[in-house]
Amino acid sequence: YPSGMGAISSGLLAAQHTNPGCKSIQLGFPYLDVYKIQTVWGPGAHFISDLNPDCLNQIENLVKTSKISSVVLEYPGNPLLQVPDIKKLSQILRENNVPLLVDDTIGSSANFN
């Protein structure tokens, strides 16, 4: 993709097409247009702003009790640079067949080892 926005929007639209009518989960503060894709072009999003350890319990509860199209996060989150336990998050989502879409624009290979 020629841009990060092109890649993330394609992922979101694919997830919405695969799971029509299902909300996504937005972790942390998103780039505004990413949130618009979820809420204006899609059926909406559950917004979990604080990426504390309890957020994984919230996510697990949502994916077990609701049909979720995808989980979206920036890694690390901008502007607070918060990061969830991505290994545990991925495990929860794989067990519930929910795709994880990660925007790593800020944390590119130039910024993280």
C-alpha atoms as a PDB file:
ATOM      1  CA  TYR A   1       0.000   0.000   0.000  1.00  0.00           C
ATOM      2  CA  PRO A   2       1.270   3.502  -0.744  1.00  0.00           C
ATOM      3  CA  SER A   3       0.272   4.760   2.721  1.00  0.00           C
ATOM      4  CA  GLY A   4      -0.501   3.563   6.215  1.00  0.00           C
ATOM      5  CA  MET A   5      -4.022   4.957   5.896  1.00  0.00           C
ATOM      6  CA  GLY A   6      -4.528   2.959   2.693  1.00  0.00           C
ATOM      7  CA  ALA A   7      -3.452  -0.227   4.430  1.00  0.00           C
ATOM      8  CA  ILE A   8      -5.491   0.212   7.596  1.00  0.00           C
ATOM      9  CA  SER A   9      -8.624   1.308   5.722  1.00  0.00           C
ATOM     10  CA  SER A  10      -8.376  -1.752   3.454  1.00  0.00           C
ATOM     11  CA  GLY A  11      -8.047  -3.997   6.494  1.00  0.00           C
ATOM     12  CA  LEU A  12     -11.037  -2.398   8.184  1.00  0.00           C
ATOM     13  CA  LEU A  13     -13.206  -2.586   5.076  1.00  0.00           C
ATOM     14  CA  ALA A  14     -12.256  -6.259   4.575  1.00  0.00           C
ATOM     15  CA  ALA A  15     -13.141  -7.052   8.207  1.00  0.00           C
ATOM     16  CA  GLN A  16     -16.466  -5.212   7.860  1.00  0.00           C
ATOM     17  CA  HIS A  17     -17.206  -7.082   4.621  1.00  0.00           C
ATOM     18  CA  THR A  18     -16.415 -10.437   6.272  1.00  0.00           C
ATOM     19  CA  ASN A  19     -18.531  -9.589   9.348  1.00  0.00           C
ATOM     20  CA  PRO A  20     -21.295  -7.261   8.086  1.00  0.00           C
ATOM     21  CA  GLY A  21     -23.094  -5.258  10.754  1.00  0.00           C
ATOM     22  CA  CYS A  22     -20.547  -6.115  13.454  1.00  0.00           C
ATOM     23  CA  LYS A  23     -18.803  -3.385  15.405  1.00  0.00           C
ATOM     24  CA  SER A  24     -15.060  -3.205  15.784  1.00  0.00           C
ATOM     25  CA  ILE A  25     -13.068  -2.437  18.933  1.00  0.00           C
ATOM     26  CA  GLN A  26     -10.804   0.616  18.883  1.00  0.00           C
ATOM     27  CA  LEU A  27      -7.985   0.443  21.441  1.00  0.00           C
ATOM     28  CA  GLY A  28      -6.413   3.712  22.463  1.00  0.00           C
ATOM     29  CA  PHE A  29      -6.756   7.048  20.723  1.00  0.00           C
ATOM     30  CA  PRO A  30      -6.941   6.509  16.968  1.00  0.00           C
ATOM     31  CA  TYR A  31      -5.981   8.702  14.077  1.00  0.00           C
ATOM     32  CA  LEU A  32      -9.283  10.492  13.401  1.00  0.00           C
ATOM     33  CA  ASP A  33      -9.863   8.994   9.961  1.00  0.00           C
ATOM     34  CA  VAL A  34      -9.355   5.450  11.254  1.00  0.00           C
ATOM     35  CA  TYR A  35     -12.146   6.021  13.761  1.00  0.00           C
ATOM     36  CA  LYS A  36     -14.355   7.562  11.046  1.00  0.00           C
ATOM     37  CA  ILE A  37     -13.987   4.451   8.901  1.00  0.00           C
ATOM     38  CA  GLN A  38     -15.273   2.405  11.819  1.00  0.00           C
ATOM     39  CA  THR A  39     -18.139   4.704  12.764  1.00  0.00           C
ATOM     40  CA  VAL A  40     -19.193   6.484   9.547  1.00  0.00           C
ATOM     41  CA  TRP A  41     -18.511   3.817   6.907  1.00  0.00           C
ATOM     42  CA  GLY A  42     -19.084   0.952   9.313  1.00  0.00           C
ATOM     43  CA  PRO A  43     -21.579  -0.028  12.003  1.00  0.00           C
ATOM     44  CA  GLY A  44     -19.633   1.597  14.851  1.00  0.00           C
ATOM     45  CA  ALA A  45     -16.918   0.790  17.327  1.00  0.00           C
ATOM     46  CA  HIS A  46     -16.456   0.006  20.986  1.00  0.00           C
ATOM     47  CA  PHE A  47     -13.911   2.564  22.199  1.00  0.00           C
ATOM     48  CA  ILE A  48     -11.437   1.513  24.897  1.00  0.00           C
ATOM     49  CA  SER A  49      -9.217   4.511  25.519  1.00  0.00           C
ATOM     50  CA  ASP A  50      -7.074   3.408  28.458  1.00  0.00           C
ATOM     51  CA  LEU A  51      -4.652   0.611  27.625  1.00  0.00           C
ATOM     52  CA  ASN A  52      -4.177  -0.513  31.219  1.00  0.00           C
ATOM     53  CA  PRO A  53      -3.966  -4.232  32.114  1.00  0.00           C
ATOM     54  CA  ASP A  54      -7.750  -4.366  32.633  1.00  0.00           C
ATOM     55  CA  CYS A  55      -8.366  -3.476  28.973  1.00  0.00           C
ATOM     56  CA  LEU A  56      -7.599  -7.083  28.024  1.00  0.00           C
ATOM     57  CA  ASN A  57     -10.400  -8.270  30.316  1.00  0.00           C
ATOM     58  CA  GLN A  58     -12.769  -5.778  28.664  1.00  0.00           C
ATOM     59  CA  ILE A  59     -11.759  -7.001  25.211  1.00  0.00           C
ATOM     60  CA  GLU A  60     -12.089 -10.647  26.158  1.00  0.00           C
ATOM     61  CA  ASN A  61     -15.571  -9.994  27.536  1.00  0.00           C
ATOM     62  CA  LEU A  62     -16.618  -8.136  24.361  1.00  0.00           C
ATOM     63  CA  VAL A  63     -15.357 -10.795  21.943  1.00  0.00           C
ATOM     64  CA  LYS A  64     -17.016 -13.553  23.948  1.00  0.00           C
ATOM     65  CA  THR A  65     -20.384 -11.810  24.272  1.00  0.00           C
ATOM     66  CA  SER A  66     -20.635  -9.885  20.953  1.00  0.00           C
ATOM     67  CA  LYS A  67     -19.777 -10.522  17.338  1.00  0.00           C
ATOM     68  CA  ILE A  68     -16.756  -8.266  16.652  1.00  0.00           C
ATOM     69  CA  SER A  69     -15.419  -7.541  13.157  1.00  0.00           C
ATOM     70  CA  SER A  70     -11.880  -6.575  14.237  1.00  0.00           C
ATOM     71  CA  VAL A  71      -9.723  -4.943  16.886  1.00  0.00           C
ATOM     72  CA  VAL A  72      -7.751  -1.865  15.833  1.00  0.00           C
ATOM     73  CA  LEU A  73      -4.842  -0.179  17.572  1.00  0.00           C
ATOM     74  CA  GLU A  74      -1.872   2.037  16.920  1.00  0.00           C
ATOM     75  CA  TYR A  75       1.344   0.522  18.257  1.00  0.00           C
ATOM     76  CA  PRO A  76       2.517   2.381  20.201  1.00  0.00           C
ATOM     77  CA  GLY A  77      -0.518   4.523  20.811  1.00  0.00           C
ATOM     78  CA  ASN A  78      -0.274   8.167  19.871  1.00  0.00           C
ATOM     79  CA  PRO A  79       0.065  10.591  21.683  1.00  0.00           C
ATOM     80  CA  LEU A  80       0.571   8.729  24.988  1.00  0.00           C
ATOM     81  CA  LEU A  81       2.753   5.908  23.591  1.00  0.00           C
ATOM     82  CA  GLN A  82       0.758   3.296  25.506  1.00  0.00           C
ATOM     83  CA  VAL A  83       1.102  -0.332  24.450  1.00  0.00           C
ATOM     84  CA  PRO A  84      -1.076  -3.263  25.468  1.00  0.00           C
ATOM     85  CA  ASP A  85       0.305  -6.748  26.035  1.00  0.00           C
ATOM     86  CA  ILE A  86       0.110  -7.572  22.335  1.00  0.00           C
ATOM     87  CA  LYS A  87       1.031 -11.224  22.838  1.00  0.00           C
ATOM     88  CA  LYS A  88      -1.852 -11.786  25.261  1.00  0.00           C
ATOM     89  CA  LEU A  89      -4.183  -9.638  23.130  1.00  0.00           C
ATOM     90  CA  SER A  90      -3.342 -11.689  20.049  1.00  0.00           C
ATOM     91  CA  GLN A  91      -3.975 -14.924  21.943  1.00  0.00           C
ATOM     92  CA  ILE A  92      -7.424 -13.743  23.089  1.00  0.00           C
ATOM     93  CA  LEU A  93      -8.374 -12.670  19.578  1.00  0.00           C
ATOM     94  CA  ARG A  94      -7.100 -15.847  17.886  1.00  0.00           C
ATOM     95  CA  GLU A  95      -9.119 -17.970  20.311  1.00  0.00           C
ATOM     96  CA  ASN A  96     -12.223 -15.996  19.291  1.00  0.00           C
ATOM     97  CA  ASN A  97     -11.439 -15.714  15.554  1.00  0.00           C
ATOM     98  CA  VAL A  98     -11.201 -11.904  15.582  1.00  0.00           C
ATOM     99  CA  PRO A  99      -8.611 -10.153  13.383  1.00  0.00           C
ATOM    100  CA  LEU A 100      -6.143  -7.704  14.926  1.00  0.00           C
ATOM    101  CA  LEU A 101      -5.279  -4.640  12.814  1.00  0.00           C
ATOM    102  CA  VAL A 102      -2.132  -2.859  14.010  1.00  0.00           C
ATOM    103  CA  ASP A 103      -1.083   0.549  12.720  1.00  0.00           C
ATOM    104  CA  ASP A 104       2.639   0.693  13.387  1.00  0.00           C
ATOM    105  CA  THR A 105       3.293   4.007  11.634  1.00  0.00           C
ATOM    106  CA  ILE A 106       4.838   5.584  14.746  1.00  0.00           C
ATOM    107  CA  GLY A 107       6.646   2.414  15.768  1.00  0.00           C
ATOM    108  CA  SER A 108       8.271   1.679  12.440  1.00  0.00           C
ATOM    109  CA  SER A 109      11.518  -0.261  12.286  1.00  0.00           C
ATOM    110  CA  ALA A 110      13.359   3.074  12.496  1.00  0.00           C
ATOM    111  CA  ASN A 111      11.908   3.671  15.974  1.00  0.00           C
ATOM    112  CA  PHE A 112      11.779   0.178  17.522  1.00  0.00           C
ATOM    113  CA  ASN A 113      14.160  -2.721  17.586  1.00  0.00           C
END
